[in-house]
Protein backbone atom coordinates (compact mmCIF):
# COMPACT_ATOMS: atom_id res chain seq x y z
CA UNK A 1 -8.29 65.64 22.42
CA UNK A 2 -5.16 64.45 20.75
CA UNK A 3 -4.24 66.32 17.44
CA UNK A 4 -2.21 64.40 14.84
CA UNK A 5 0.16 65.89 12.01
CA UNK A 6 -2.52 65.00 9.55
CA UNK A 7 -5.19 67.29 11.65
CA UNK A 8 -2.72 70.16 11.82
CA UNK A 9 -2.30 69.94 8.22
CA UNK A 10 -5.91 70.06 7.57
CA UNK A 11 -6.47 72.93 9.81
CA UNK A 12 -3.67 74.76 8.11
CA UNK A 13 -5.50 74.28 4.90
CA UNK A 14 -8.82 75.20 6.07
CA UNK A 15 -7.54 78.26 7.77
CA UNK A 16 -5.93 79.32 4.70
CA UNK A 17 -9.39 79.68 2.88
CA UNK A 18 -10.90 81.41 5.89
CA UNK A 19 -8.96 84.64 6.05
CA UNK A 20 -11.63 86.22 8.53
CA UNK A 21 -10.31 84.12 11.05
CA UNK A 22 -7.65 86.10 13.34
CA UNK A 23 -7.65 83.98 16.71
CA UNK A 24 -6.94 80.31 17.27
CA UNK A 25 -7.99 78.58 20.65
CA UNK A 26 -5.83 75.39 20.88
CA UNK A 27 -6.59 74.63 24.56
CA UNK A 28 -6.74 71.48 26.43
CA UNK A 29 -5.11 69.47 23.49
CA UNK A 30 -2.74 66.76 23.22
CA UNK A 31 -0.07 67.89 20.94
CA UNK A 32 2.87 65.43 20.24
CA UNK A 33 5.98 67.08 19.46
CA UNK A 34 5.46 66.05 15.76
CA UNK A 35 1.98 67.47 15.59
CA UNK A 36 3.23 70.66 17.10
CA UNK A 37 5.92 71.19 14.55
CA UNK A 38 3.58 70.38 11.64
CA UNK A 39 1.25 73.00 13.21
CA UNK A 40 3.86 75.75 13.60
CA UNK A 41 4.96 75.18 9.90
CA UNK A 42 1.36 75.64 8.93
CA UNK A 43 0.92 78.71 10.95
CA UNK A 44 4.08 80.62 9.53
CA UNK A 45 1.98 80.94 6.18
CA UNK A 46 -1.28 82.15 7.86
CA UNK A 47 -0.80 86.10 7.82
CA UNK A 48 -4.10 86.79 9.37
CA UNK A 49 -3.58 84.85 12.62
CA UNK A 50 -2.89 87.52 15.45
CA UNK A 51 -3.54 85.71 18.54
CA UNK A 52 -3.08 81.92 19.71
CA UNK A 53 -4.09 80.30 22.99
CA UNK A 54 -2.21 77.30 23.82
CA UNK A 55 -3.47 77.31 27.50
CA UNK A 56 -3.72 74.20 29.38
CA UNK A 57 -1.53 72.23 26.96
CA UNK A 58 1.75 70.28 27.95
CA UNK A 59 4.95 70.84 25.62
CA UNK A 60 6.59 67.43 26.41
CA UNK A 61 10.19 68.27 25.35
CA UNK A 62 12.75 71.24 24.52
CA UNK A 63 11.92 70.51 20.97
CA UNK A 64 8.26 71.58 21.64
CA UNK A 65 9.31 74.79 23.09
CA UNK A 66 11.78 75.41 20.11
CA UNK A 67 8.94 75.14 17.75
CA UNK A 68 6.95 77.87 19.62
CA UNK A 69 10.06 79.93 19.81
CA UNK A 70 10.56 79.59 15.98
CA UNK A 71 7.03 80.66 15.34
CA UNK A 72 7.63 83.82 17.49
CA UNK A 73 10.86 84.61 15.77
CA UNK A 74 9.52 83.94 12.14
CA UNK A 75 5.85 85.66 11.98
CA UNK A 76 5.19 89.32 11.65
CA UNK A 77 1.70 89.34 12.29
CA UNK A 78 1.44 87.20 15.58
CA UNK A 79 0.55 89.77 18.36
CA UNK A 80 -0.41 87.50 21.29
CA UNK A 81 0.33 84.06 22.51
CA UNK A 82 -1.31 82.50 25.56
CA UNK A 83 0.29 79.81 27.86
CA UNK A 84 -1.86 79.43 31.06
CA UNK A 85 -1.02 76.32 33.06
CA UNK A 86 1.31 75.11 30.58
CA UNK A 87 4.02 74.44 33.28
CA UNK A 88 6.50 76.26 31.17
CA UNK A 89 9.35 77.93 32.84
CA UNK A 90 11.66 80.33 31.67
CA UNK A 91 14.64 78.17 31.75
CA UNK A 92 12.97 75.92 29.26
CA UNK A 93 12.03 79.11 26.87
CA UNK A 94 15.62 80.42 26.99
CA UNK A 95 17.51 77.49 26.25
């Protein structure tokens, strides 16, 4: 399933009205870099999300990895991120 930037904005809006949601399962999606950037920006404002599962997604370029790292640096509530089978390497995350 490919998620667009508009979908990411809609998800952020919907979740802002559903504070009971503490975990997101975003597995097996196609997340273009532009969509991932919008999604990360939306997630930064959601203070109730403590767990996100990105498993089985591909992050196509360094900008995608940078977006995820930005989420980790700027959020105070996020406790768990999962990246099973995402083909990420330590070199990409450290860059």
